[in-house]
């Protein structure tokens, strides 16, 4: 089985001047209830996979990084970058988990998409991954009964260029490039080529 894919992601922002000084602030969780309350009083659990963790893991599939989150299992399917998941329930192919890219849903609530996190595995511009699980996730819609996985791009806080290449067995090749212009534009390009481990046999 041979898999080749080229992906492109572009993020544009209106030019708005920001202060160069970055001050740490208290962590704030925004949920669908619109009611201010402490995290410990909410019927959900919020986990965040930081950019540093993603870079250290250098995952070949996004499930390798999400494995660090308690109660979350994203399984890579044999077809390549596809997946199924088990978040607060056994492994299934049902539409119980909502996947988002920069807060935008990646699948209909009525259907399950096993390719929802395809681009996230090769995106060179990942900022962090937020995982919300618990009974309170149903506030996000009927597709979020088990949990919500939100993949967020890096904020455009500085000019940056990033190039990375990963090579492995069975013809695995992945090349990633990201170019960011402070407060204006972010471009992420990735090329993935995977020959697979299955051989071709003839009777």
C-alpha atoms as a PDB file:
ATOM      1  CA  UNK A   1       0.000   0.000   0.000  1.00  0.00           C
ATOM      2  CA  UNK A   2       1.414   3.374  -0.982  1.00  0.00           C
ATOM      3  CA  UNK A   3       0.307   6.720   0.389  1.00  0.00           C
ATOM      4  CA  UNK A   4       1.297  10.122  -0.924  1.00  0.00           C
ATOM      5  CA  UNK A   5      -0.251  13.379   0.169  1.00  0.00           C
ATOM      6  CA  UNK A   6       0.575  17.058  -0.045  1.00  0.00           C
ATOM      7  CA  UNK A   7      -1.272  19.448   2.253  1.00  0.00           C
ATOM      8  CA  UNK A   8      -1.378  23.220   2.461  1.00  0.00           C
ATOM      9  CA  UNK A   9      -2.721  25.402   5.228  1.00  0.00           C
ATOM     10  CA  UNK A  10      -2.945  29.194   5.150  1.00  0.00           C
ATOM     11  CA  UNK A  11      -3.936  31.390   8.077  1.00  0.00           C
ATOM     12  CA  UNK A  12      -4.405  35.107   7.472  1.00  0.00           C
ATOM     13  CA  UNK A  13      -5.029  37.836  10.013  1.00  0.00           C
ATOM     14  CA  UNK A  14      -5.905  41.486   9.606  1.00  0.00           C
ATOM     15  CA  UNK A  15      -3.052  43.704  10.604  1.00  0.00           C
ATOM     16  CA  UNK A  16      -3.647  44.735  14.176  1.00  0.00           C
ATOM     17  CA  UNK A  17      -0.794  46.166  16.231  1.00  0.00           C
ATOM     18  CA  UNK A  18       0.059  44.143  19.302  1.00  0.00           C
ATOM     19  CA  UNK A  19       2.372  44.926  22.134  1.00  0.00           C
ATOM     20  CA  UNK A  20       5.731  43.119  21.983  1.00  0.00           C
ATOM     21  CA  UNK A  21       5.557  42.509  25.720  1.00  0.00           C
ATOM     22  CA  UNK A  22       4.024  39.137  26.558  1.00  0.00           C
ATOM     23  CA  UNK A  23       2.700  38.788  30.072  1.00  0.00           C
ATOM     24  CA  UNK A  24       1.516  35.450  31.508  1.00  0.00           C
ATOM     25  CA  UNK A  25      -2.143  35.430  32.475  1.00  0.00           C
ATOM     26  CA  UNK A  26      -4.346  33.081  34.426  1.00  0.00           C
ATOM     27  CA  UNK A  27      -5.543  30.040  32.475  1.00  0.00           C
ATOM     28  CA  UNK A  28      -9.129  30.589  31.314  1.00  0.00           C
ATOM     29  CA  UNK A  29     -11.352  27.814  29.956  1.00  0.00           C
ATOM     30  CA  UNK A  30     -14.206  28.827  27.661  1.00  0.00           C
ATOM     31  CA  UNK A  31     -17.076  26.327  27.609  1.00  0.00           C
ATOM     32  CA  UNK A  32     -20.484  26.172  25.958  1.00  0.00           C
ATOM     33  CA  UNK A  33     -22.401  26.954  29.168  1.00  0.00           C
ATOM     34  CA  UNK A  34     -21.531  30.683  29.164  1.00  0.00           C
ATOM     35  CA  UNK A  35     -21.572  30.578  32.948  1.00  0.00           C
ATOM     36  CA  UNK A  36     -18.494  31.648  34.909  1.00  0.00           C
ATOM     37  CA  UNK A  37     -17.425  28.977  37.385  1.00  0.00           C
ATOM     38  CA  UNK A  38     -14.276  27.282  38.644  1.00  0.00           C
ATOM     39  CA  UNK A  39     -12.840  24.422  36.598  1.00  0.00           C
ATOM     40  CA  UNK A  40     -13.216  22.042  39.529  1.00  0.00           C
ATOM     41  CA  UNK A  41     -16.975  22.707  39.592  1.00  0.00           C
ATOM     42  CA  UNK A  42     -17.558  21.866  35.932  1.00  0.00           C
ATOM     43  CA  UNK A  43     -18.774  18.474  34.698  1.00  0.00           C
ATOM     44  CA  UNK A  44     -15.822  18.105  32.355  1.00  0.00           C
ATOM     45  CA  UNK A  45     -12.055  17.718  32.255  1.00  0.00           C
ATOM     46  CA  UNK A  46      -9.803  19.950  30.152  1.00  0.00           C
ATOM     47  CA  UNK A  47      -6.357  18.745  29.055  1.00  0.00           C
ATOM     48  CA  UNK A  48      -3.866  20.636  26.907  1.00  0.00           C
ATOM     49  CA  UNK A  49      -0.958  19.227  24.877  1.00  0.00           C
ATOM     50  CA  UNK A  50       1.534  22.075  24.524  1.00  0.00           C
ATOM     51  CA  UNK A  51       3.644  23.000  21.514  1.00  0.00           C
ATOM     52  CA  UNK A  52       6.795  21.882  23.362  1.00  0.00           C
ATOM     53  CA  UNK A  53       5.328  18.414  23.920  1.00  0.00           C
ATOM     54  CA  UNK A  54       4.330  18.126  20.260  1.00  0.00           C
ATOM     55  CA  UNK A  55       7.822  19.116  19.096  1.00  0.00           C
ATOM     56  CA  UNK A  56       9.495  16.666  21.487  1.00  0.00           C
ATOM     57  CA  UNK A  57       7.206  13.806  20.442  1.00  0.00           C
ATOM     58  CA  UNK A  58       7.578  14.562  16.708  1.00  0.00           C
ATOM     59  CA  UNK A  59       4.590  12.234  16.167  1.00  0.00           C
ATOM     60  CA  UNK A  60       4.157  10.330  12.913  1.00  0.00           C
ATOM     61  CA  UNK A  61       0.443  10.308  13.758  1.00  0.00           C
ATOM     62  CA  UNK A  62      -1.471  12.674  16.011  1.00  0.00           C
ATOM     63  CA  UNK A  63      -2.554   9.721  18.157  1.00  0.00           C
ATOM     64  CA  UNK A  64       1.012   9.336  19.446  1.00  0.00           C
ATOM     65  CA  UNK A  65       0.834  12.757  21.097  1.00  0.00           C
ATOM     66  CA  UNK A  66      -2.745  12.386  22.334  1.00  0.00           C
ATOM     67  CA  UNK A  67      -1.695   9.167  24.097  1.00  0.00           C
ATOM     68  CA  UNK A  68      -0.247  11.383  26.841  1.00  0.00           C
ATOM     69  CA  UNK A  69      -3.773  12.540  27.765  1.00  0.00           C
ATOM     70  CA  UNK A  70      -5.476  10.327  30.354  1.00  0.00           C
ATOM     71  CA  UNK A  71      -8.576   8.552  29.070  1.00  0.00           C
ATOM     72  CA  UNK A  72      -7.822   9.273  25.395  1.00  0.00           C
ATOM     73  CA  UNK A  73      -6.849   6.698  22.771  1.00  0.00           C
ATOM     74  CA  UNK A  74      -6.668   7.646  19.089  1.00  0.00           C
ATOM     75  CA  UNK A  75      -5.813   4.603  17.003  1.00  0.00           C
ATOM     76  CA  UNK A  76      -4.107   4.908  13.613  1.00  0.00           C
ATOM     77  CA  UNK A  77      -5.864   2.789  11.016  1.00  0.00           C
ATOM     78  CA  UNK A  78      -4.049   0.609   8.480  1.00  0.00           C
ATOM     79  CA  UNK A  79      -5.052   2.919   5.637  1.00  0.00           C
ATOM     80  CA  UNK A  80      -2.505   5.590   6.613  1.00  0.00           C
ATOM     81  CA  UNK A  81      -3.472   8.726   8.531  1.00  0.00           C
ATOM     82  CA  UNK A  82      -7.055   7.660   9.299  1.00  0.00           C
ATOM     83  CA  UNK A  83      -8.094   6.950  12.873  1.00  0.00           C
ATOM     84  CA  UNK A  84     -10.775   5.806  15.238  1.00  0.00           C
ATOM     85  CA  UNK A  85     -10.924   6.808  18.869  1.00  0.00           C
ATOM     86  CA  UNK A  86     -11.827   5.804  22.382  1.00  0.00           C
ATOM     87  CA  UNK A  87     -12.557   8.751  24.672  1.00  0.00           C
ATOM     88  CA  UNK A  88     -14.542   7.825  27.781  1.00  0.00           C
ATOM     89  CA  UNK A  89     -15.926   4.787  25.938  1.00  0.00           C
ATOM     90  CA  UNK A  90     -14.695   1.670  24.080  1.00  0.00           C
ATOM     91  CA  UNK A  91     -13.061   1.986  20.653  1.00  0.00           C
ATOM     92  CA  UNK A  92     -15.737   2.747  18.078  1.00  0.00           C
ATOM     93  CA  UNK A  93     -16.555   4.275  14.710  1.00  0.00           C
ATOM     94  CA  UNK A  94     -19.526   6.294  15.941  1.00  0.00           C
ATOM     95  CA  UNK A  95     -19.940  10.057  15.829  1.00  0.00           C
ATOM     96  CA  UNK A  96     -19.395  10.539  19.562  1.00  0.00           C
ATOM     97  CA  UNK A  97     -16.295  12.759  19.420  1.00  0.00           C
ATOM     98  CA  UNK A  98     -16.171  16.257  17.968  1.00  0.00           C
ATOM     99  CA  UNK A  99     -12.951  17.214  16.139  1.00  0.00           C
ATOM    100  CA  UNK A 100     -12.121  20.843  15.463  1.00  0.00           C
ATOM    101  CA  UNK A 101      -9.339  22.732  13.683  1.00  0.00           C
ATOM    102  CA  UNK A 102      -8.938  26.240  15.101  1.00  0.00           C
ATOM    103  CA  UNK A 103     -12.440  25.992  16.623  1.00  0.00           C
ATOM    104  CA  UNK A 104     -14.035  24.959  13.298  1.00  0.00           C
ATOM    105  CA  UNK A 105     -15.781  21.521  13.281  1.00  0.00           C
ATOM    106  CA  UNK A 106     -14.186  19.035  10.892  1.00  0.00           C
ATOM    107  CA  UNK A 107     -17.144  16.690  10.502  1.00  0.00           C
ATOM    108  CA  UNK A 108     -20.915  16.654  10.557  1.00  0.00           C
ATOM    109  CA  UNK A 109     -22.581  15.698  13.815  1.00  0.00           C
ATOM    110  CA  UNK A 110     -24.489  12.979  11.970  1.00  0.00           C
ATOM    111  CA  UNK A 111     -21.430  11.151  10.598  1.00  0.00           C
ATOM    112  CA  UNK A 112     -18.098   9.858  11.820  1.00  0.00           C
ATOM    113  CA  UNK A 113     -15.004  11.056   9.945  1.00  0.00           C
ATOM    114  CA  UNK A 114     -11.947   8.832  10.353  1.00  0.00           C
ATOM    115  CA  UNK A 115      -9.856  11.462   8.509  1.00  0.00           C
ATOM    116  CA  UNK A 116     -10.791  14.425  10.721  1.00  0.00           C
ATOM    117  CA  UNK A 117      -7.271  14.682  12.199  1.00  0.00           C
ATOM    118  CA  UNK A 118      -5.437  13.876   8.940  1.00  0.00           C
ATOM    119  CA  UNK A 119      -3.869  17.311   8.500  1.00  0.00           C
ATOM    120  CA  UNK A 120      -2.991  17.614  12.184  1.00  0.00           C
ATOM    121  CA  UNK A 121      -0.436  14.792  11.902  1.00  0.00           C
ATOM    122  CA  UNK A 122       1.669  16.711   9.367  1.00  0.00           C
ATOM    123  CA  UNK A 123       0.913  20.352  10.144  1.00  0.00           C
ATOM    124  CA  UNK A 124       4.174  22.154  10.903  1.00  0.00           C
ATOM    125  CA  UNK A 125       2.286  25.011  12.537  1.00  0.00           C
ATOM    126  CA  UNK A 126       0.643  23.248  15.486  1.00  0.00           C
ATOM    127  CA  UNK A 127       0.294  25.462  18.540  1.00  0.00           C
ATOM    128  CA  UNK A 128      -1.461  23.148  20.978  1.00  0.00           C
ATOM    129  CA  UNK A 129      -4.168  20.515  21.239  1.00  0.00           C
ATOM    130  CA  UNK A 130      -7.075  20.891  23.643  1.00  0.00           C
ATOM    131  CA  UNK A 131      -9.021  17.818  24.762  1.00  0.00           C
ATOM    132  CA  UNK A 132     -12.283  18.242  26.659  1.00  0.00           C
ATOM    133  CA  UNK A 133     -13.928  15.150  28.062  1.00  0.00           C
ATOM    134  CA  UNK A 134     -16.731  14.481  30.498  1.00  0.00           C
ATOM    135  CA  UNK A 135     -20.497  14.804  30.606  1.00  0.00           C
ATOM    136  CA  UNK A 136     -20.296  18.553  30.023  1.00  0.00           C
ATOM    137  CA  UNK A 137     -18.897  18.119  26.497  1.00  0.00           C
ATOM    138  CA  UNK A 138     -22.427  17.495  25.195  1.00  0.00           C
ATOM    139  CA  UNK A 139     -22.869  21.278  25.344  1.00  0.00           C
ATOM    140  CA  UNK A 140     -20.814  21.415  22.144  1.00  0.00           C
ATOM    141  CA  UNK A 141     -23.416  19.436  20.199  1.00  0.00           C
ATOM    142  CA  UNK A 142     -24.651  15.915  19.533  1.00  0.00           C
ATOM    143  CA  UNK A 143     -21.264  15.001  18.016  1.00  0.00           C
ATOM    144  CA  UNK A 144     -19.453  15.717  21.282  1.00  0.00           C
ATOM    145  CA  UNK A 145     -20.987  13.152  23.613  1.00  0.00           C
ATOM    146  CA  UNK A 146     -17.665  11.465  24.408  1.00  0.00           C
ATOM    147  CA  UNK A 147     -15.310  14.408  24.056  1.00  0.00           C
ATOM    148  CA  UNK A 148     -13.996  17.302  22.006  1.00  0.00           C
ATOM    149  CA  UNK A 149     -10.548  17.523  20.382  1.00  0.00           C
ATOM    150  CA  UNK A 150      -9.556  21.008  19.230  1.00  0.00           C
ATOM    151  CA  UNK A 151      -6.295  21.403  17.261  1.00  0.00           C
ATOM    152  CA  UNK A 152      -5.048  24.995  17.347  1.00  0.00           C
ATOM    153  CA  UNK A 153      -2.469  26.624  15.087  1.00  0.00           C
ATOM    154  CA  UNK A 154       0.411  28.650  16.486  1.00  0.00           C
ATOM    155  CA  UNK A 155      -0.378  32.328  17.133  1.00  0.00           C
ATOM    156  CA  UNK A 156       1.363  34.741  14.778  1.00  0.00           C
ATOM    157  CA  UNK A 157       3.387  36.544  17.431  1.00  0.00           C
ATOM    158  CA  UNK A 158       6.695  36.699  15.539  1.00  0.00           C
ATOM    159  CA  UNK A 159       8.321  36.206  12.158  1.00  0.00           C
ATOM    160  CA  UNK A 160       9.324  32.561  11.866  1.00  0.00           C
ATOM    161  CA  UNK A 161      10.531  30.028   9.323  1.00  0.00           C
ATOM    162  CA  UNK A 162      10.521  26.334  10.091  1.00  0.00           C
ATOM    163  CA  UNK A 163      11.645  23.367   7.991  1.00  0.00           C
ATOM    164  CA  UNK A 164      11.703  19.726   9.166  1.00  0.00           C
ATOM    165  CA  UNK A 165      12.260  16.374   7.498  1.00  0.00           C
ATOM    166  CA  UNK A 166      11.556  12.897   8.868  1.00  0.00           C
ATOM    167  CA  UNK A 167      12.636   9.624   7.242  1.00  0.00           C
ATOM    168  CA  UNK A 168      11.857   6.084   8.317  1.00  0.00           C
ATOM    169  CA  UNK A 169      11.486   2.464   7.273  1.00  0.00           C
ATOM    170  CA  UNK A 170       9.431   1.274   4.314  1.00  0.00           C
ATOM    171  CA  UNK A 171       9.964   4.459   2.342  1.00  0.00           C
ATOM    172  CA  UNK A 172       8.525   6.822   4.947  1.00  0.00           C
ATOM    173  CA  UNK A 173       9.293  10.452   4.096  1.00  0.00           C
ATOM    174  CA  UNK A 174       7.748  13.561   5.592  1.00  0.00           C
ATOM    175  CA  UNK A 175       8.801  17.130   4.815  1.00  0.00           C
ATOM    176  CA  UNK A 176       7.239  20.065   6.669  1.00  0.00           C
ATOM    177  CA  UNK A 177       7.620  23.802   6.178  1.00  0.00           C
ATOM    178  CA  UNK A 178       5.999  26.745   7.925  1.00  0.00           C
ATOM    179  CA  UNK A 179       6.397  30.461   7.279  1.00  0.00           C
ATOM    180  CA  UNK A 180       4.851  33.014   9.613  1.00  0.00           C
ATOM    181  CA  UNK A 181       4.627  36.774   9.323  1.00  0.00           C
ATOM    182  CA  UNK A 182       3.883  38.487  12.599  1.00  0.00           C
ATOM    183  CA  UNK A 183       0.207  39.464  12.969  1.00  0.00           C
ATOM    184  CA  UNK A 184      -0.455  38.929   9.254  1.00  0.00           C
ATOM    185  CA  UNK A 185      -0.013  35.563   7.591  1.00  0.00           C
ATOM    186  CA  UNK A 186       0.873  31.956   8.321  1.00  0.00           C
ATOM    187  CA  UNK A 187       1.538  29.279   5.690  1.00  0.00           C
ATOM    188  CA  UNK A 188       2.111  25.599   6.461  1.00  0.00           C
ATOM    189  CA  UNK A 189       3.009  23.010   3.805  1.00  0.00           C
ATOM    190  CA  UNK A 190       3.636  19.296   4.248  1.00  0.00           C
ATOM    191  CA  UNK A 191       4.480  16.396   1.945  1.00  0.00           C
ATOM    192  CA  UNK A 192       4.031  12.801   3.118  1.00  0.00           C
ATOM    193  CA  UNK A 193       5.102   9.654   1.293  1.00  0.00           C
ATOM    194  CA  UNK A 194       4.643   6.264   2.910  1.00  0.00           C
ATOM    195  CA  UNK A 195       5.262   3.016   1.017  1.00  0.00           C
ATOM    196  CA  UNK A 196       3.707   0.927   3.792  1.00  0.00           C
ATOM    197  CA  UNK A 197       4.974  -2.359   5.181  1.00  0.00           C
ATOM    198  CA  UNK A 198       2.673  -4.668   3.243  1.00  0.00           C
ATOM    199  CA  UNK A 199       4.297  -6.424   0.304  1.00  0.00           C
ATOM    200  CA  UNK A 200       2.760  -7.327  -3.033  1.00  0.00           C
ATOM    201  CA  UNK A 201       2.178 -11.038  -3.565  1.00  0.00           C
ATOM    202  CA  UNK A 202       1.177 -12.955  -6.622  1.00  0.00           C
ATOM    203  CA  UNK A 203      -0.175 -16.522  -6.734  1.00  0.00           C
END
